[in-house]
Each structure stands twice: as structure tokens, then as C-alpha cells.
Amino acid sequence: MSRLISRRTFGLSAGALLAASGLSLPARAQGLVKAKMILNWRYQGPQSWFFQAQDMGFLKDEGVELEIDQGEGSAATINRIMSGAYDAGFGDMNAIIQNASTKPADAPVMVYMIYNQPPFGIVLKANSPIKTPKDLEGKKLGGPTGSATTRLFPVFAKANGVDAGKVEILNMAPNLQEPLLIKGDIDGALVFNITSYFNLLLNRQDPEKDFNWLTFGDFGLDLYSNGLMVSQKLIKENPKAVAGLVRAINKAMLELAANPAEGGKVMNRVEPTVNAEIEAKRIEFTYKAHMLTPETEKLGAGDVSDERMTRAIAQIGEAFDLKSTPKVEEVFNRSFLPPLAERKMPAPKS
């Protein structure tokens, strides 16, 4: 059964809710810190490490009991944390930057970067006249308003001299993007290539031969993307739990990066309708394209370059005309990272 937002709870019951406000409250129960986490999207392979950390007891060993819900878009994840409904999430760094500018006391903080290279992009038919970003002017793109790619299109446009006002963007459900592109109802789709690449395969298309991809990272953007973020409240009240959460997810992620087939099986156990083989391929694709980079080989999984992050913050600030731009340490906290030796990226599956 298809569910936009579904919940999987492991072990004990959900984190206690404050009776008066309905906000989540991490609390000790039977020696465990309870916390609620929201994912970026519906169940996919690159979420497998969160469930692996739970299934293998890594979180329990760290004193954490985690309830995990599906999400509605990696940018929307931030709003759910800021509302107090969730303590942690898998979401977009760039949305943190925007919110840290306007609501610095409420914005979550990234504590473990996962997608070192952003999966934001525009997918086009191979025979499309759109070959460069400038060619997008006068064309029609489709994208859900809550997605990080749609929200970041102005950044991409500004960096490439595109008049964003001359590009029509139609708000549409994510499951309609590839079918409408294939039919020719839109000229391109604003996508996460991690999702769209495999949607095209499932639509019996060849994403390499039949489509072109304008990937944001290839066109002048220094942006990072998705990672593990937590509320400032959780950092303040349970820093040991944050450190434990990071250690457990780091361990599980590196295990499954080296064994994507197992990651596919993990997601199939979480949701039986998920195709384990497809999700294993998605993990492999994601790891090679977005996680294993010269930067992560040097810094290890989870960390960022302060110089690059400073440039990314500046790009976000300029594109969205932010009144103030946060400092790196206000949006990314590396103090919870395990030692570098424990964050070495494994060789990709051949």
C-alpha cells in the first residue's frame, strides 16, 4: 500500500510528546534516549543505513531509541524539525542555511554530511534543444514546490546568467515528473537524480542514452546536500545522544556502502513493496556519484570543507537575498563526528 507519510517504529514506543504543546521531547526511558526522526522522502536505498543502525543494535548500543518516519521532501524536513515535531532528520543543508538566516534560534544543525556532491539537477530528453542553462529561458519545467531542487533553482539560474523569471515552473507531484517529461508536456524536470534516474528505468527508459542531465554541481554551484541534522534542543539537552546517533549511523552507512545488496534487502524488510534489487543499484549509484569524492576521501565521511561551505553559504545568501548569512559553525557542527580512522570511505563496489 502506498503511503505518503508512514511510520516505522522499532523497539519501544514513540518518543514522549509534551502534553500541552504536542512537541517531541527526547527523554530517558529504560536507559534509552527516545527521539523522532523524519526522512527526506519515501523509502529508498540511501535511507537504509538509518534502519540498519536500528536493526543491528548500533543505536541501542549508543543508548538511543529512534522512531523513523517518511518525509515529503528534503527541504520540508527542516520545517518539521523547527516545528518541534521531530528531533532529527535526513534533509538538505541549503534549507538549513536559509532558515538559519531568518530564524537562527530554531534552525536545525547538520552534524553528519552524507551527500558531498548534490543530486540536484534538471533532466531533459536527449533530443531537447536545451543544451545549456541559458537555453532554459522560455521553457517549461516541472517540479514539486517542497523539493530542494525546485527551491534551489534560483541559485542555479543566478550562477549561470539565466533569467529565472523567463522559466515557467509548474508545481506537480513527484510521480508525474518523468511521465510528463516522456510525453512532452514539460521541457524538463527539476529532480533529485538519485530518484529520477531510477524512475526512468522503471518507466522503461534509458536514462543514459535517452536523456541529458544538467546537474547543479557541474554548473558552478559549491552546494552540499543531504545529511543528518538535529534540533538545537537535542544538542543542548542530550549531546551524548547526538554523538551516539552519529556514531551508529556512520557505522551502518559505511557497512552498506560496501555492500549495497544488503542495503536493498534492508529496505525491502522495512517496506515489502520496495524492490531490493533496484534499491541496491540506487545505493551504488548514490555512493559513487554523491558520496565518494576526493573531498570525502581526504576528510572522511560526514565532514565538510569549511572553505567550500563558506562559498556555498555565500551563494545561497546572494541568490535568496538573505539579510544575514550564517557562519559555517552555525549550520554545521563537526564536534560529534567519530575519529577520521572510523570514517574512511570504502572502495566502491566494482
Protein backbone atom coordinates (compact mmCIF):
# COMPACT_ATOMS: atom_id res chain seq x y z
CA MET A 1 0.00 0.00 0.00
CA SER A 2 1.35 3.39 -0.99
CA ARG A 3 1.75 5.89 1.86
CA LEU A 4 2.95 9.46 1.58
CA ILE A 5 3.96 9.58 5.23
CA SER A 6 4.21 6.29 7.01
CA ARG A 7 5.85 5.38 10.27
CA ARG A 8 8.14 2.57 11.27
CA THR A 9 8.81 2.24 14.97
CA PHE A 10 11.49 -0.09 16.30
CA GLY A 11 11.72 -1.49 19.79
CA LEU A 12 9.80 0.57 22.27
CA SER A 13 7.04 3.16 21.67
CA ALA A 14 7.48 6.62 20.11
CA GLY A 15 9.27 9.45 21.91
CA ALA A 16 7.12 11.10 24.55
CA LEU A 17 5.08 14.10 23.49
CA LEU A 18 4.67 17.20 25.58
CA ALA A 19 1.06 17.12 26.71
CA ALA A 20 0.48 20.84 26.43
CA SER A 21 2.16 21.59 23.12
CA GLY A 22 2.39 18.29 21.27
CA LEU A 23 6.15 18.76 20.75
CA SER A 24 8.51 15.81 20.81
CA LEU A 25 10.71 15.56 23.89
CA PRO A 26 13.77 13.30 23.93
CA ALA A 27 13.63 11.53 27.27
CA ARG A 28 15.33 8.70 29.09
CA ALA A 29 13.28 5.54 29.39
CA GLN A 30 14.77 2.25 30.45
CA GLY A 31 18.20 3.77 29.89
CA LEU A 32 17.49 4.87 26.29
CA VAL A 33 17.07 8.37 24.90
CA LYS A 34 13.93 8.45 22.77
CA ALA A 35 13.99 10.58 19.64
CA LYS A 36 11.94 11.02 16.48
CA MET A 37 13.49 11.30 13.02
CA ILE A 38 11.95 12.29 9.68
CA LEU A 39 13.45 11.14 6.40
CA ASN A 40 13.79 13.13 3.20
CA TRP A 41 11.33 11.13 1.15
CA ARG A 42 9.59 7.83 0.66
CA TYR A 43 11.57 4.68 1.34
CA GLN A 44 14.68 4.38 -0.83
CA GLY A 45 18.01 2.59 -0.63
CA PRO A 46 20.06 5.60 0.55
CA GLN A 47 17.99 5.61 3.74
CA SER A 48 18.95 2.03 4.54
CA TRP A 49 21.74 2.96 6.95
CA PHE A 50 19.28 4.55 9.36
CA PHE A 51 17.33 1.31 9.59
CA GLN A 52 20.49 -0.79 9.59
CA ALA A 53 21.72 1.18 12.59
CA GLN A 54 18.49 0.23 14.33
CA ASP A 55 18.23 -3.40 13.18
CA MET A 56 21.82 -4.23 14.08
CA GLY A 57 21.54 -2.70 17.53
CA PHE A 58 24.06 0.09 16.85
CA LEU A 59 21.65 2.74 18.13
CA LYS A 60 20.66 0.73 21.17
CA ASP A 61 24.33 0.24 22.00
CA GLU A 62 24.66 4.03 21.94
CA GLY A 63 21.68 4.47 24.25
CA VAL A 64 19.30 5.76 21.58
CA GLU A 65 15.81 4.60 20.64
CA LEU A 66 14.78 6.11 17.32
CA GLU A 67 11.39 6.33 15.65
CA ILE A 68 11.69 6.98 11.90
CA ASP A 69 9.02 8.49 9.64
CA GLN A 70 8.95 9.03 5.90
CA GLY A 71 9.18 12.61 4.61
CA GLU A 72 7.75 14.91 1.95
CA GLY A 73 10.95 16.39 0.50
CA SER A 74 14.41 17.04 1.84
CA ALA A 75 13.80 20.77 2.21
CA ALA A 76 10.49 20.20 4.00
CA THR A 77 12.29 18.08 6.60
CA ILE A 78 13.70 21.23 8.19
CA ASN A 79 10.25 22.69 8.81
CA ARG A 80 9.17 19.55 10.65
CA ILE A 81 12.18 19.79 12.96
CA MET A 82 11.72 23.50 13.51
CA SER A 83 8.10 22.91 14.49
CA GLY A 84 9.30 20.65 17.29
CA ALA A 85 7.58 17.58 15.85
CA TYR A 86 10.93 15.87 15.20
CA ASP A 87 14.33 15.81 16.86
CA ALA A 88 16.38 14.74 13.84
CA GLY A 89 16.10 14.42 10.11
CA PHE A 90 17.71 13.47 6.83
CA GLY A 91 17.48 16.65 4.82
CA ASP A 92 19.03 19.48 2.86
CA MET A 93 21.86 21.68 4.14
CA ASN A 94 20.80 24.58 1.93
CA ALA A 95 17.41 24.80 3.62
CA ILE A 96 19.23 24.95 6.95
CA ILE A 97 21.25 27.91 5.66
CA GLN A 98 18.12 29.77 4.61
CA ASN A 99 16.37 29.18 7.91
CA ALA A 100 19.47 29.93 9.99
CA SER A 101 19.47 33.36 8.39
CA THR A 102 15.91 34.20 9.42
CA LYS A 103 15.34 32.00 12.48
CA PRO A 104 18.78 31.24 13.93
CA ALA A 105 17.41 30.03 17.27
CA ASP A 106 15.11 27.47 15.63
CA ALA A 107 17.00 26.13 12.63
CA PRO A 108 18.42 22.61 12.96
CA VAL A 109 22.14 21.93 12.67
CA MET A 110 23.82 19.45 10.35
CA VAL A 111 26.03 17.04 12.29
CA TYR A 112 26.93 14.50 9.58
CA MET A 113 27.09 15.31 5.87
CA ILE A 114 26.14 12.38 3.64
CA TYR A 115 25.72 13.74 0.09
CA ASN A 116 29.01 15.52 -0.51
CA GLN A 117 28.00 16.25 -4.11
CA PRO A 118 24.40 17.44 -4.59
CA PRO A 119 21.95 15.29 -6.56
CA PHE A 120 20.03 18.39 -7.71
CA GLY A 121 19.56 18.57 -11.44
CA ILE A 122 17.35 19.12 -14.46
CA VAL A 123 16.60 16.11 -16.64
CA LEU A 124 15.85 16.68 -20.33
CA LYS A 125 15.18 14.50 -23.33
CA ALA A 126 18.32 13.82 -25.33
CA ASN A 127 16.78 15.43 -28.43
CA SER A 128 15.79 18.56 -26.50
CA PRO A 129 17.03 21.91 -27.86
CA ILE A 130 18.08 22.73 -24.28
CA LYS A 131 21.81 22.11 -24.14
CA THR A 132 22.96 24.81 -21.70
CA PRO A 133 21.33 26.53 -18.72
CA LYS A 134 20.69 29.68 -20.79
CA ASP A 135 18.53 27.61 -23.14
CA LEU A 136 16.02 27.14 -20.30
CA GLU A 137 14.64 30.64 -20.80
CA GLY A 138 11.18 30.46 -22.38
CA LYS A 139 10.83 26.79 -21.46
CA LYS A 140 8.57 24.90 -19.06
CA LEU A 141 9.93 22.85 -16.14
CA GLY A 142 8.07 20.66 -13.69
CA GLY A 143 8.93 20.25 -10.03
CA PRO A 144 7.28 19.90 -6.62
CA THR A 145 7.46 23.11 -4.61
CA GLY A 146 8.71 21.28 -1.50
CA SER A 147 11.71 19.72 -3.20
CA ALA A 148 15.21 21.06 -2.63
CA THR A 149 15.90 21.18 -6.38
CA THR A 150 12.90 23.40 -7.08
CA ARG A 151 13.74 25.68 -4.19
CA LEU A 152 17.35 25.96 -5.33
CA PHE A 153 16.60 26.65 -8.99
CA PRO A 154 17.05 30.44 -8.42
CA VAL A 155 20.59 29.74 -7.16
CA PHE A 156 21.36 27.68 -10.26
CA ALA A 157 19.82 30.33 -12.51
CA LYS A 158 21.75 33.20 -10.94
CA ALA A 159 25.06 31.34 -11.13
CA ASN A 160 24.56 30.68 -14.83
CA GLY A 161 23.15 34.00 -16.04
CA VAL A 162 19.63 32.65 -16.51
CA ASP A 163 16.63 34.97 -16.05
CA ALA A 164 14.57 32.77 -13.73
CA GLY A 165 11.51 34.91 -14.47
CA LYS A 166 11.58 33.64 -18.04
CA VAL A 167 11.38 29.99 -16.96
CA GLU A 168 7.94 28.62 -16.21
CA ILE A 169 7.89 26.17 -13.32
CA LEU A 170 4.82 24.00 -12.89
CA ASN A 171 4.15 22.59 -9.43
CA MET A 172 3.48 18.88 -9.78
CA ALA A 173 3.52 15.69 -7.80
CA PRO A 174 6.92 13.97 -7.99
CA ASN A 175 5.45 10.82 -9.51
CA LEU A 176 4.24 12.84 -12.52
CA GLN A 177 7.57 14.40 -13.46
CA GLU A 178 9.09 11.63 -15.55
CA PRO A 179 5.81 10.56 -17.25
CA LEU A 180 5.03 14.17 -18.26
CA LEU A 181 8.60 14.65 -19.50
CA ILE A 182 8.38 11.46 -21.56
CA LYS A 183 5.04 12.62 -23.04
CA GLY A 184 6.50 16.04 -23.86
CA ASP A 185 4.11 18.01 -21.63
CA ILE A 186 7.11 19.68 -19.97
CA ASP A 187 10.54 20.53 -21.37
CA GLY A 188 12.44 19.36 -18.32
CA ALA A 189 12.04 18.23 -14.73
CA LEU A 190 13.65 19.57 -11.57
CA VAL A 191 14.76 16.39 -9.87
CA PHE A 192 16.97 14.53 -7.45
CA ASN A 193 18.88 12.38 -9.93
CA ILE A 194 19.03 9.65 -7.27
CA THR A 195 15.27 9.32 -7.63
CA SER A 196 14.68 10.35 -11.24
CA TYR A 197 17.34 8.09 -12.78
CA PHE A 198 15.58 5.03 -11.41
CA ASN A 199 12.09 6.36 -12.10
CA LEU A 200 13.11 6.49 -15.76
CA LEU A 201 14.36 2.92 -15.61
CA LEU A 202 11.04 1.86 -14.11
CA ASN A 203 9.33 3.67 -17.00
CA ARG A 204 11.37 1.53 -19.41
CA GLN A 205 13.60 4.40 -20.45
CA ASP A 206 17.37 4.55 -20.80
CA PRO A 207 18.47 7.43 -18.52
CA GLU A 208 21.94 7.46 -20.10
CA LYS A 209 21.05 7.25 -23.79
CA ASP A 210 17.68 8.95 -23.97
CA PHE A 211 18.18 11.85 -21.53
CA ASN A 212 20.57 14.67 -20.69
CA TRP A 213 21.23 15.93 -17.18
CA LEU A 214 22.10 19.46 -16.12
CA THR A 215 23.49 18.69 -12.68
CA PHE A 216 23.80 21.71 -10.42
CA GLY A 217 27.22 20.70 -9.13
CA ASP A 218 28.57 20.73 -12.69
CA PHE A 219 27.43 24.31 -13.29
CA GLY A 220 29.19 26.49 -10.78
CA LEU A 221 27.47 25.61 -7.52
CA ASP A 222 29.53 24.68 -4.45
CA LEU A 223 26.49 23.38 -2.60
CA TYR A 224 26.37 20.41 -0.30
CA SER A 225 23.14 18.47 0.05
CA ASN A 226 21.59 15.93 2.40
CA GLY A 227 22.86 14.77 5.73
CA LEU A 228 21.88 14.03 9.30
CA MET A 229 20.56 17.11 11.09
CA VAL A 230 19.33 17.53 14.63
CA SER A 231 17.46 20.16 16.57
CA GLN A 232 19.35 22.63 18.72
CA LYS A 233 17.20 21.39 21.58
CA LEU A 234 18.55 17.85 21.21
CA ILE A 235 22.14 19.12 21.10
CA LYS A 236 21.59 21.14 24.26
CA GLU A 237 19.68 18.52 26.26
CA ASN A 238 21.31 15.28 25.06
CA PRO A 239 24.70 15.86 23.39
CA LYS A 240 25.73 12.28 24.21
CA ALA A 241 22.70 11.01 22.33
CA VAL A 242 23.65 13.13 19.31
CA ALA A 243 27.17 11.71 19.36
CA GLY A 244 25.76 8.20 19.67
CA LEU A 245 23.33 8.77 16.82
CA VAL A 246 26.18 9.95 14.59
CA ARG A 247 28.43 7.01 15.51
CA ALA A 248 25.70 4.46 14.87
CA ILE A 249 24.70 5.89 11.50
CA ASN A 250 28.32 6.31 10.42
CA LYS A 251 28.99 2.64 11.16
CA ALA A 252 25.87 1.44 9.36
CA MET A 253 26.38 3.71 6.36
CA LEU A 254 29.95 2.58 5.72
CA GLU A 255 28.90 -1.06 6.04
CA LEU A 256 26.14 -0.74 3.45
CA ALA A 257 28.17 1.47 1.11
CA ALA A 258 30.50 -1.51 0.75
CA ASN A 259 27.56 -3.92 0.47
CA PRO A 260 24.68 -2.24 -1.41
CA ALA A 261 22.90 -5.56 -1.97
CA GLU A 262 22.37 -5.84 1.77
CA GLY A 263 21.09 -2.26 1.83
CA GLY A 264 18.44 -3.18 -0.73
CA LYS A 265 17.36 -6.09 1.46
CA VAL A 266 17.16 -3.78 4.47
CA MET A 267 14.72 -1.50 2.66
CA ASN A 268 12.66 -4.45 1.47
CA ARG A 269 12.29 -5.55 5.09
CA VAL A 270 11.21 -2.03 6.04
CA GLU A 271 8.68 -1.88 3.20
CA PRO A 272 7.94 -5.15 1.36
CA THR A 273 6.75 -3.31 -1.77
CA VAL A 274 10.26 -1.89 -2.25
CA ASN A 275 12.31 -3.66 -4.94
CA ALA A 276 15.51 -4.79 -3.21
CA GLU A 277 17.50 -5.06 -6.45
CA ILE A 278 16.56 -1.56 -7.63
CA GLU A 279 17.36 -0.07 -4.24
CA ALA A 280 20.74 -1.82 -4.15
CA LYS A 281 21.54 -0.22 -7.51
CA ARG A 282 20.34 3.13 -6.17
CA ILE A 283 22.70 2.85 -3.21
CA GLU A 284 25.60 2.02 -5.52
CA PHE A 285 24.73 4.92 -7.84
CA THR A 286 24.39 7.35 -4.93
CA TYR A 287 27.64 6.28 -3.32
CA LYS A 288 29.70 6.64 -6.49
CA ALA A 289 28.06 9.87 -7.69
CA HIS A 290 27.43 11.78 -4.48
CA MET A 291 29.24 10.31 -1.51
CA LEU A 292 32.67 9.08 -2.58
CA THR A 293 34.58 12.18 -3.74
CA PRO A 294 38.16 13.47 -3.47
CA GLU A 295 36.93 15.59 -0.58
CA THR A 296 35.45 12.69 1.40
CA GLU A 297 38.49 10.55 0.68
CA LYS A 298 40.52 13.26 2.39
CA LEU A 299 38.14 14.38 5.16
CA GLY A 300 36.29 11.12 5.70
CA ALA A 301 32.56 10.53 5.70
CA GLY A 302 30.41 13.12 7.42
CA ASP A 303 32.74 16.13 7.35
CA VAL A 304 32.81 19.20 5.09
CA SER A 305 35.35 21.71 3.84
CA ASP A 306 34.89 24.99 5.69
CA GLU A 307 36.13 26.92 2.67
CA ARG A 308 33.65 25.27 0.34
CA MET A 309 30.83 25.62 2.87
CA THR A 310 31.59 29.32 3.16
CA ARG A 311 31.23 29.66 -0.61
CA ALA A 312 28.00 27.66 -0.55
CA ILE A 313 26.55 29.90 2.16
CA ALA A 314 27.51 32.96 0.12
CA GLN A 315 25.81 31.56 -2.99
CA ILE A 316 22.62 30.83 -1.06
CA GLY A 317 22.74 34.26 0.56
CA GLU A 318 23.13 36.08 -2.74
CA ALA A 319 20.51 34.10 -4.64
CA PHE A 320 17.86 34.47 -1.95
CA ASP A 321 18.92 37.96 -0.90
CA LEU A 322 19.33 36.88 2.72
CA LYS A 323 19.65 39.79 5.14
CA SER A 324 22.34 37.93 7.03
CA THR A 325 24.44 34.89 6.18
CA PRO A 326 25.20 32.37 8.92
CA LYS A 327 28.69 31.24 9.76
CA VAL A 328 29.77 27.69 8.98
CA GLU A 329 29.68 26.71 12.67
CA GLU A 330 26.07 27.88 12.92
CA VAL A 331 24.87 25.37 10.33
CA PHE A 332 27.40 22.54 10.66
CA ASN A 333 28.74 21.05 13.89
CA ARG A 334 31.57 18.54 13.45
CA SER A 335 32.18 18.04 17.15
CA PHE A 336 30.06 14.87 17.16
CA LEU A 337 32.00 13.13 14.37
CA PRO A 338 33.92 9.95 15.21
CA PRO A 339 37.70 9.98 14.60
CA LEU A 340 38.80 10.08 10.96
CA ALA A 341 40.03 6.48 11.12
CA GLU A 342 36.42 5.39 11.77
CA ARG A 343 35.06 7.43 8.85
CA LYS A 344 37.24 6.20 5.99
CA MET A 345 35.26 5.70 2.79
CA PRO A 346 35.34 2.13 1.48
CA ALA A 347 36.22 1.34 -2.11
CA PRO A 348 33.12 1.32 -4.34
CA LYS A 349 31.57 -1.94 -5.41
CA SER A 350 33.09 -2.87 -8.77
